């Protein structure tokens, strides 16, 4: 049996039918998601569609900067949480005083 994409296309069409977001907002959200997911094909196509819709390169570049900043923030916070979890795990393993592991002070 061949792949049947109708369930997905029906879902996408019904989602895009919402009046809660403007067409510009829908284009920008879609582009932000494809940039974040790392799909060059999808990103290229969405940039083309956004331009056809009338979004300027100034707007698209501003979106790119916001996407990059949000992703950088997520990466930094995820790393910080990892460091904190490691610190907490070491502290917990030494709670009974039987551990000689040196733990560096965490920055405030």
Protein backbone atom coordinates (compact mmCIF):
# COMPACT_ATOMS: atom_id res chain seq x y z
CA UNK A 1 0.00 0.00 0.00
CA UNK A 2 1.31 3.46 -0.89
CA UNK A 3 1.82 6.09 1.80
CA UNK A 4 -1.37 8.02 2.55
CA UNK A 5 -0.54 11.54 3.68
CA UNK A 6 -4.15 12.70 3.76
CA UNK A 7 -4.35 12.54 7.57
CA UNK A 8 -1.40 14.91 7.80
CA UNK A 9 -2.50 17.28 5.04
CA UNK A 10 -6.01 17.41 6.53
CA UNK A 11 -4.53 18.22 9.94
CA UNK A 12 -2.24 20.92 8.53
CA UNK A 13 -5.05 22.51 6.53
CA UNK A 14 -7.40 22.58 9.52
CA UNK A 15 -4.67 24.02 11.74
CA UNK A 16 -3.83 26.74 9.22
CA UNK A 17 -7.52 27.65 9.00
CA UNK A 18 -7.42 29.28 12.45
CA UNK A 19 -8.27 32.96 12.57
CA UNK A 20 -6.45 33.42 15.91
CA UNK A 21 -3.15 34.08 14.10
CA UNK A 22 -2.47 36.28 11.11
CA UNK A 23 -0.99 34.80 7.96
CA UNK A 24 2.28 36.63 8.72
CA UNK A 25 2.40 35.10 12.19
CA UNK A 26 1.76 31.64 10.76
CA UNK A 27 4.59 32.09 8.23
CA UNK A 28 7.00 33.31 10.91
CA UNK A 29 6.15 30.52 13.34
CA UNK A 30 6.55 27.89 10.62
CA UNK A 31 9.88 29.34 9.59
CA UNK A 32 11.11 29.50 13.19
CA UNK A 33 10.23 25.84 13.68
CA UNK A 34 12.00 24.69 10.50
CA UNK A 35 15.10 26.71 11.40
CA UNK A 36 15.14 25.16 14.86
CA UNK A 37 14.62 21.66 13.48
CA UNK A 38 17.51 22.19 11.06
CA UNK A 39 15.71 21.30 7.83
CA UNK A 40 17.36 23.29 5.05
CA UNK A 41 14.81 22.17 2.46
CA UNK A 42 11.85 23.23 4.62
CA UNK A 43 13.54 26.47 5.68
CA UNK A 44 14.33 27.38 2.08
CA UNK A 45 10.75 26.71 1.01
CA UNK A 46 9.32 28.66 3.94
CA UNK A 47 11.59 31.65 3.18
CA UNK A 48 10.37 31.58 -0.42
CA UNK A 49 6.72 31.42 0.71
CA UNK A 50 7.24 34.19 3.28
CA UNK A 51 8.75 36.44 0.60
CA UNK A 52 5.89 35.62 -1.77
CA UNK A 53 3.50 36.60 1.01
CA UNK A 54 5.29 39.92 1.33
CA UNK A 55 7.51 39.48 4.35
CA UNK A 56 10.72 41.44 3.90
CA UNK A 57 14.23 40.16 4.35
CA UNK A 58 14.51 42.64 7.23
CA UNK A 59 11.70 40.80 9.03
CA UNK A 60 13.12 37.37 8.12
CA UNK A 61 16.57 38.37 9.40
CA UNK A 62 15.03 39.69 12.63
CA UNK A 63 13.28 36.34 13.03
CA UNK A 64 16.58 34.54 12.43
CA UNK A 65 18.23 36.54 15.21
CA UNK A 66 15.38 35.79 17.63
CA UNK A 67 15.47 32.06 16.76
CA UNK A 68 19.25 31.99 17.28
CA UNK A 69 18.99 33.85 20.60
CA UNK A 70 16.22 31.58 21.92
CA UNK A 71 18.12 28.46 20.91
CA UNK A 72 21.31 29.81 22.49
CA UNK A 73 19.38 30.51 25.68
CA UNK A 74 17.94 27.01 25.70
CA UNK A 75 21.39 25.49 25.16
CA UNK A 76 22.93 27.60 27.94
CA UNK A 77 20.13 26.84 30.41
CA UNK A 78 20.22 23.13 29.57
CA UNK A 79 23.98 23.07 30.19
CA UNK A 80 23.54 24.99 33.46
CA UNK A 81 20.90 22.50 34.59
CA UNK A 82 23.27 19.66 33.73
CA UNK A 83 26.05 21.23 35.78
CA UNK A 84 23.65 21.85 38.67
CA UNK A 85 22.38 18.27 38.54
CA UNK A 86 25.95 16.97 38.55
CA UNK A 87 26.81 19.18 41.53
CA UNK A 88 23.69 18.03 43.37
CA UNK A 89 24.49 14.37 42.61
CA UNK A 90 28.04 14.74 43.94
CA UNK A 91 26.79 16.56 47.04
CA UNK A 92 24.18 13.87 47.67
CA UNK A 93 26.78 11.10 47.30
CA UNK A 94 28.94 12.82 49.93
CA UNK A 95 26.12 13.68 52.33
CA UNK A 96 27.14 11.05 54.84
CA UNK A 97 30.69 12.44 55.05
CA UNK A 98 32.39 9.38 53.51
CA UNK A 99 33.31 11.09 50.26
CA UNK A 100 36.47 13.04 49.49
CA UNK A 101 35.30 14.52 46.14
CA UNK A 102 36.25 18.18 45.74
CA UNK A 103 33.31 20.23 44.47
CA UNK A 104 34.05 23.59 42.88
CA UNK A 105 31.98 26.53 44.04
CA UNK A 106 29.06 27.25 41.72
CA UNK A 107 28.83 30.75 40.28
CA UNK A 108 25.98 32.82 41.65
